[in-house]
Amino acid sequence: MDSCTSPADAPGFLELQVREKTLLELLAGRRLVAEDLRAQTPGARRQLRRLLLQSLCRGPAGNP
C-alpha cells in the first residue's frame, strides 16, 4: 500500500461532489454507469437511486 492510501479507502474510488444535473446528464447519456458509483450515506443512496431512475426515463439522448 502506498503512503497516500489509508486502509479505510475503497481501492480505486475517489470521493467527490457532482451537481445532480451533471450526474443525471452523464447517466442518461451512458457516459457513466451505476456500477461505477458508491454512495456513502443513506441520504446519498436515496439521491443516487432517484437520479438513476430519472436517467432511465430520459434515455440516451437525454430527452425528458
PDB file of N, CA and C in Angstrom:
ATOM      1  N   MET A   1       0.841  -1.170   0.000  1.00  0.00           N
ATOM      2  CA  MET A   1       0.000   0.000   0.000  1.00  0.00           C
ATOM      3  C   MET A   1       0.894   1.243   0.000  1.00  0.00           C
ATOM      4  N   ASP A   2       0.558   2.235  -0.844  1.00  0.00           N
ATOM      5  CA  ASP A   2       1.396   3.427  -0.838  1.00  0.00           C
ATOM      6  C   ASP A   2       0.993   4.358   0.299  1.00  0.00           C
ATOM      7  N   SER A   3       1.811   5.338   0.596  1.00  0.00           N
ATOM      8  CA  SER A   3       1.618   6.194   1.768  1.00  0.00           C
ATOM      9  C   SER A   3       0.427   7.140   1.620  1.00  0.00           C
ATOM     10  N   CYS A   4      -0.138   7.288   0.430  1.00  0.00           N
ATOM     11  CA  CYS A   4      -1.262   8.201   0.215  1.00  0.00           C
ATOM     12  C   CYS A   4      -2.615   7.513   0.393  1.00  0.00           C
ATOM     13  N   THR A   5      -2.649   6.216   0.569  1.00  0.00           N
ATOM     14  CA  THR A   5      -3.901   5.486   0.666  1.00  0.00           C
ATOM     15  C   THR A   5      -4.067   4.942   2.072  1.00  0.00           C
ATOM     16  N   SER A   6      -5.197   5.260   2.681  1.00  0.00           N
ATOM     17  CA  SER A   6      -5.460   4.693   4.005  1.00  0.00           C
ATOM     18  C   SER A   6      -6.219   3.385   3.835  1.00  0.00           C
ATOM     19  N   PRO A   7      -6.126   2.478   4.793  1.00  0.00           N
ATOM     20  CA  PRO A   7      -6.806   1.188   4.682  1.00  0.00           C
ATOM     21  C   PRO A   7      -8.319   1.324   4.568  1.00  0.00           C
ATOM     22  N   ALA A   8      -8.902   2.408   5.077  1.00  0.00           N
ATOM     23  CA  ALA A   8     -10.351   2.594   5.029  1.00  0.00           C
ATOM     24  C   ALA A   8     -10.836   2.993   3.639  1.00  0.00           C
ATOM     25  N   ASP A   9      -9.949   3.492   2.790  1.00  0.00           N
ATOM     26  CA  ASP A   9     -10.344   3.906   1.437  1.00  0.00           C
ATOM     27  C   ASP A   9     -10.660   2.688   0.583  1.00  0.00           C
ATOM     28  N   ALA A  10     -11.747   2.795  -0.190  1.00  0.00           N
ATOM     29  CA  ALA A  10     -12.056   1.723  -1.138  1.00  0.00           C
ATOM     30  C   ALA A  10     -11.059   1.815  -2.281  1.00  0.00           C
ATOM     31  N   PRO A  11     -10.443   0.702  -2.665  1.00  0.00           N
ATOM     32  CA  PRO A  11      -9.452   0.740  -3.736  1.00  0.00           C
ATOM     33  C   PRO A  11     -10.047   1.239  -5.044  1.00  0.00           C
ATOM     34  N   GLY A  12      -9.386   2.195  -5.626  1.00  0.00           N
ATOM     35  CA  GLY A  12      -9.807   2.697  -6.925  1.00  0.00           C
ATOM     36  C   GLY A  12     -10.959   3.680  -6.904  1.00  0.00           C
ATOM     37  N   PHE A  13     -11.427   4.102  -5.732  1.00  0.00           N
ATOM     38  CA  PHE A  13     -12.534   5.045  -5.661  1.00  0.00           C
ATOM     39  C   PHE A  13     -12.054   6.407  -5.198  1.00  0.00           C
ATOM     40  N   LEU A  14     -12.761   7.443  -5.635  1.00  0.00           N
ATOM     41  CA  LEU A  14     -12.440   8.829  -5.340  1.00  0.00           C
ATOM     42  C   LEU A  14     -13.676   9.486  -4.747  1.00  0.00           C
ATOM     43  N   GLU A  15     -13.515  10.204  -3.652  1.00  0.00           N
ATOM     44  CA  GLU A  15     -14.641  10.932  -3.073  1.00  0.00           C
ATOM     45  C   GLU A  15     -14.721  12.294  -3.742  1.00  0.00           C
ATOM     46  N   LEU A  16     -15.909  12.640  -4.268  1.00  0.00           N
ATOM     47  CA  LEU A  16     -16.073  13.926  -4.928  1.00  0.00           C
ATOM     48  C   LEU A  16     -17.516  14.374  -4.860  1.00  0.00           C
ATOM     49  N   GLN A  17     -17.757  15.602  -5.233  1.00  0.00           N
ATOM     50  CA  GLN A  17     -19.105  16.153  -5.295  1.00  0.00           C
ATOM     51  C   GLN A  17     -19.391  16.541  -6.732  1.00  0.00           C
ATOM     52  N   VAL A  18     -20.596  16.199  -7.181  1.00  0.00           N
ATOM     53  CA  VAL A  18     -21.024  16.484  -8.554  1.00  0.00           C
ATOM     54  C   VAL A  18     -22.438  17.041  -8.486  1.00  0.00           C
ATOM     55  N   ARG A  19     -22.715  18.051  -9.271  1.00  0.00           N
ATOM     56  CA  ARG A  19     -24.076  18.588  -9.326  1.00  0.00           C
ATOM     57  C   ARG A  19     -25.028  17.507  -9.832  1.00  0.00           C
ATOM     58  N   GLU A  20     -26.231  17.454  -9.248  1.00  0.00           N
ATOM     59  CA  GLU A  20     -27.206  16.448  -9.650  1.00  0.00           C
ATOM     60  C   GLU A  20     -27.492  16.508 -11.146  1.00  0.00           C
ATOM     61  N   LYS A  21     -27.642  17.705 -11.679  1.00  0.00           N
ATOM     62  CA  LYS A  21     -27.946  17.863 -13.112  1.00  0.00           C
ATOM     63  C   LYS A  21     -26.834  17.244 -13.962  1.00  0.00           C
ATOM     64  N   THR A  22     -25.591  17.476 -13.581  1.00  0.00           N
ATOM     65  CA  THR A  22     -24.458  16.932 -14.326  1.00  0.00           C
ATOM     66  C   THR A  22     -24.425  15.413 -14.237  1.00  0.00           C
ATOM     67  N   LEU A  23     -24.649  14.877 -13.038  1.00  0.00           N
ATOM     68  CA  LEU A  23     -24.664  13.430 -12.865  1.00  0.00           C
ATOM     69  C   LEU A  23     -25.794  12.812 -13.677  1.00  0.00           C
ATOM     70  N   LEU A  24     -26.959  13.435 -13.664  1.00  0.00           N
ATOM     71  CA  LEU A  24     -28.086  12.938 -14.436  1.00  0.00           C
ATOM     72  C   LEU A  24     -27.760  12.914 -15.931  1.00  0.00           C
ATOM     73  N   GLU A  25     -27.128  13.961 -16.425  1.00  0.00           N
ATOM     74  CA  GLU A  25     -26.743  14.009 -17.838  1.00  0.00           C
ATOM     75  C   GLU A  25     -25.734  12.913 -18.181  1.00  0.00           C
ATOM     76  N   LEU A  26     -24.770  12.680 -17.302  1.00  0.00           N
ATOM     77  CA  LEU A  26     -23.776  11.629 -17.536  1.00  0.00           C
ATOM     78  C   LEU A  26     -24.420  10.246 -17.546  1.00  0.00           C
ATOM     79  N   LEU A  27     -25.335  10.020 -16.611  1.00  0.00           N
ATOM     80  CA  LEU A  27     -26.012   8.724 -16.550  1.00  0.00           C
ATOM     81  C   LEU A  27     -26.937   8.521 -17.746  1.00  0.00           C
ATOM     82  N   ALA A  28     -27.736   9.540 -18.071  1.00  0.00           N
ATOM     83  CA  ALA A  28     -28.682   9.432 -19.187  1.00  0.00           C
ATOM     84  C   ALA A  28     -27.953   9.269 -20.514  1.00  0.00           C
ATOM     85  N   GLY A  29     -26.803   9.910 -20.638  1.00  0.00           N
ATOM     86  CA  GLY A  29     -26.015   9.821 -21.866  1.00  0.00           C
ATOM     87  C   GLY A  29     -25.141   8.581 -21.931  1.00  0.00           C
ATOM     88  N   ARG A  30     -25.251   7.725 -20.916  1.00  0.00           N
ATOM     89  CA  ARG A  30     -24.485   6.470 -20.843  1.00  0.00           C
ATOM     90  C   ARG A  30     -22.975   6.714 -20.839  1.00  0.00           C
ATOM     91  N   ARG A  31     -22.575   7.865 -20.285  1.00  0.00           N
ATOM     92  CA  ARG A  31     -21.141   8.168 -20.145  1.00  0.00           C
ATOM     93  C   ARG A  31     -20.613   7.701 -18.799  1.00  0.00           C
ATOM     94  N   LEU A  32     -21.554   7.366 -17.905  1.00  0.00           N
ATOM     95  CA  LEU A  32     -21.224   6.890 -16.569  1.00  0.00           C
ATOM     96  C   LEU A  32     -22.251   5.821 -16.226  1.00  0.00           C
ATOM     97  N   VAL A  33     -21.824   4.742 -15.614  1.00  0.00           N
ATOM     98  CA  VAL A  33     -22.745   3.653 -15.284  1.00  0.00           C
ATOM     99  C   VAL A  33     -22.854   3.485 -13.767  1.00  0.00           C
ATOM    100  N   ALA A  34     -23.985   2.951 -13.336  1.00  0.00           N
ATOM    101  CA  ALA A  34     -24.261   2.802 -11.907  1.00  0.00           C
ATOM    102  C   ALA A  34     -23.195   1.978 -11.197  1.00  0.00           C
ATOM    103  N   GLU A  35     -22.635   1.003 -11.874  1.00  0.00           N
ATOM    104  CA  GLU A  35     -21.625   0.140 -11.254  1.00  0.00           C
ATOM    105  C   GLU A  35     -20.389   0.910 -10.814  1.00  0.00           C
ATOM    106  N   ASP A  36     -20.183   2.099 -11.382  1.00  0.00           N
ATOM    107  CA  ASP A  36     -19.021   2.910 -11.038  1.00  0.00           C
ATOM    108  C   ASP A  36     -19.261   3.827  -9.845  1.00  0.00           C
ATOM    109  N   LEU A  37     -20.477   3.805  -9.283  1.00  0.00           N
ATOM    110  CA  LEU A  37     -20.840   4.750  -8.235  1.00  0.00           C
ATOM    111  C   LEU A  37     -21.029   4.060  -6.893  1.00  0.00           C
ATOM    112  N   ARG A  38     -20.652   4.740  -5.833  1.00  0.00           N
ATOM    113  CA  ARG A  38     -20.874   4.280  -4.463  1.00  0.00           C
ATOM    114  C   ARG A  38     -21.339   5.481  -3.653  1.00  0.00           C
ATOM    115  N   ALA A  39     -22.457   5.338  -2.952  1.00  0.00           N
ATOM    116  CA  ALA A  39     -22.962   6.400  -2.079  1.00  0.00           C
ATOM    117  C   ALA A  39     -22.636   6.007  -0.640  1.00  0.00           C
ATOM    118  N   GLN A  40     -22.081   6.926   0.124  1.00  0.00           N
ATOM    119  CA  GLN A  40     -21.584   6.613   1.463  1.00  0.00           C
ATOM    120  C   GLN A  40     -22.617   6.753   2.564  1.00  0.00           C
ATOM    121  N   THR A  41     -23.675   7.509   2.340  1.00  0.00           N
ATOM    122  CA  THR A  41     -24.672   7.735   3.386  1.00  0.00           C
ATOM    123  C   THR A  41     -26.054   7.327   2.889  1.00  0.00           C
ATOM    124  N   PRO A  42     -26.992   7.066   3.799  1.00  0.00           N
ATOM    125  CA  PRO A  42     -28.354   6.722   3.363  1.00  0.00           C
ATOM    126  C   PRO A  42     -28.990   7.819   2.500  1.00  0.00           C
ATOM    127  N   GLY A  43     -28.767   9.068   2.861  1.00  0.00           N
ATOM    128  CA  GLY A  43     -29.312  10.171   2.070  1.00  0.00           C
ATOM    129  C   GLY A  43     -28.725  10.210   0.674  1.00  0.00           C
ATOM    130  N   ALA A  44     -27.434   9.999   0.576  1.00  0.00           N
ATOM    131  CA  ALA A  44     -26.775   9.980  -0.737  1.00  0.00           C
ATOM    132  C   ALA A  44     -27.259   8.801  -1.565  1.00  0.00           C
ATOM    133  N   ARG A  45     -27.505   7.664  -0.912  1.00  0.00           N
ATOM    134  CA  ARG A  45     -28.022   6.498  -1.640  1.00  0.00           C
ATOM    135  C   ARG A  45     -29.415   6.768  -2.192  1.00  0.00           C
ATOM    136  N   ARG A  46     -30.255   7.454  -1.401  1.00  0.00           N
ATOM    137  CA  ARG A  46     -31.602   7.810  -1.886  1.00  0.00           C
ATOM    138  C   ARG A  46     -31.509   8.745  -3.087  1.00  0.00           C
ATOM    139  N   GLN A  47     -30.647   9.750  -2.991  1.00  0.00           N
ATOM    140  CA  GLN A  47     -30.465  10.688  -4.102  1.00  0.00           C
ATOM    141  C   GLN A  47     -29.980   9.956  -5.346  1.00  0.00           C
ATOM    142  N   LEU A  48     -29.023   9.072  -5.167  1.00  0.00           N
ATOM    143  CA  LEU A  48     -28.460   8.332  -6.288  1.00  0.00           C
ATOM    144  C   LEU A  48     -29.521   7.453  -6.943  1.00  0.00           C
ATOM    145  N   ARG A  49     -30.315   6.749  -6.140  1.00  0.00           N
ATOM    146  CA  ARG A  49     -31.397   5.915  -6.698  1.00  0.00           C
ATOM    147  C   ARG A  49     -32.373   6.761  -7.505  1.00  0.00           C
ATOM    148  N   ARG A  50     -32.735   7.931  -6.963  1.00  0.00           N
ATOM    149  CA  ARG A  50     -33.664   8.822  -7.663  1.00  0.00           C
ATOM    150  C   ARG A  50     -33.080   9.268  -9.004  1.00  0.00           C
ATOM    151  N   LEU A  51     -31.804   9.639  -9.011  1.00  0.00           N
ATOM    152  CA  LEU A  51     -31.163  10.078 -10.247  1.00  0.00           C
ATOM    153  C   LEU A  51     -31.024   8.938 -11.249  1.00  0.00           C
ATOM    154  N   LEU A  52     -30.747   7.741 -10.771  1.00  0.00           N
ATOM    155  CA  LEU A  52     -30.655   6.595 -11.663  1.00  0.00           C
ATOM    156  C   LEU A  52     -31.993   6.335 -12.350  1.00  0.00           C
ATOM    157  N   LEU A  53     -33.074   6.412 -11.591  1.00  0.00           N
ATOM    158  CA  LEU A  53     -34.402   6.223 -12.184  1.00  0.00           C
ATOM    159  C   LEU A  53     -34.716   7.327 -13.185  1.00  0.00           C
ATOM    160  N   GLN A  54     -34.387   8.566 -12.843  1.00  0.00           N
ATOM    161  CA  GLN A  54     -34.616   9.678 -13.775  1.00  0.00           C
ATOM    162  C   GLN A  54     -33.815   9.483 -15.056  1.00  0.00           C
ATOM    163  N   SER A  55     -32.590   8.983 -14.935  1.00  0.00           N
ATOM    164  CA  SER A  55     -31.745   8.810 -16.120  1.00  0.00           C
ATOM    165  C   SER A  55     -32.338   7.753 -17.037  1.00  0.00           C
ATOM    166  N   LEU A  56     -32.987   6.739 -16.469  1.00  0.00           N
ATOM    167  CA  LEU A  56     -33.622   5.712 -17.298  1.00  0.00           C
ATOM    168  C   LEU A  56     -34.815   6.285 -18.057  1.00  0.00           C
ATOM    169  N   CYS A  57     -35.539   7.200 -17.427  1.00  0.00           N
ATOM    170  CA  CYS A  57     -36.692   7.838 -18.084  1.00  0.00           C
ATOM    171  C   CYS A  57     -36.246   8.757 -19.213  1.00  0.00           C
ATOM    172  N   ARG A  58     -35.094   9.359 -19.066  1.00  0.00           N
ATOM    173  CA  ARG A  58     -34.590  10.297 -20.084  1.00  0.00           C
ATOM    174  C   ARG A  58     -34.046   9.578 -21.305  1.00  0.00           C
ATOM    175  N   GLY A  59     -33.431   8.459 -21.102  1.00  0.00           N
ATOM    176  CA  GLY A  59     -32.848   7.729 -22.216  1.00  0.00           C
ATOM    177  C   GLY A  59     -31.528   8.314 -22.651  1.00  0.00           C
ATOM    178  N   PRO A  60     -30.841   7.635 -23.596  1.00  0.00           N
ATOM    179  CA  PRO A  60     -29.503   8.055 -24.030  1.00  0.00           C
ATOM    180  C   PRO A  60     -29.443   9.446 -24.625  1.00  0.00           C
ATOM    181  N   ALA A  61     -30.510   9.902 -25.229  1.00  0.00           N
ATOM    182  CA  ALA A  61     -30.489  11.231 -25.842  1.00  0.00           C
ATOM    183  C   ALA A  61     -30.659  12.330 -24.803  1.00  0.00           C
ATOM    184  N   GLY A  62     -31.039  11.947 -23.568  1.00  0.00           N
ATOM    185  CA  GLY A  62     -31.216  12.935 -22.511  1.00  0.00           C
ATOM    186  C   GLY A  62     -32.531  13.654 -22.598  1.00  0.00           C
ATOM    187  N   ASN A  63     -33.479  13.152 -23.385  1.00  0.00           N
ATOM    188  CA  ASN A  63     -34.789  13.783 -23.533  1.00  0.00           C
ATOM    189  C   ASN A  63     -35.685  13.406 -22.371  1.00  0.00           C
ATOM    190  N   PRO A  64     -36.399  14.407 -21.798  1.00  0.00           N
ATOM    191  CA  PRO A  64     -37.312  14.116 -20.696  1.00  0.00           C
ATOM    192  C   PRO A  64     -38.538  13.341 -21.140  1.00  0.00           C
TER     193      PRO A  64
END
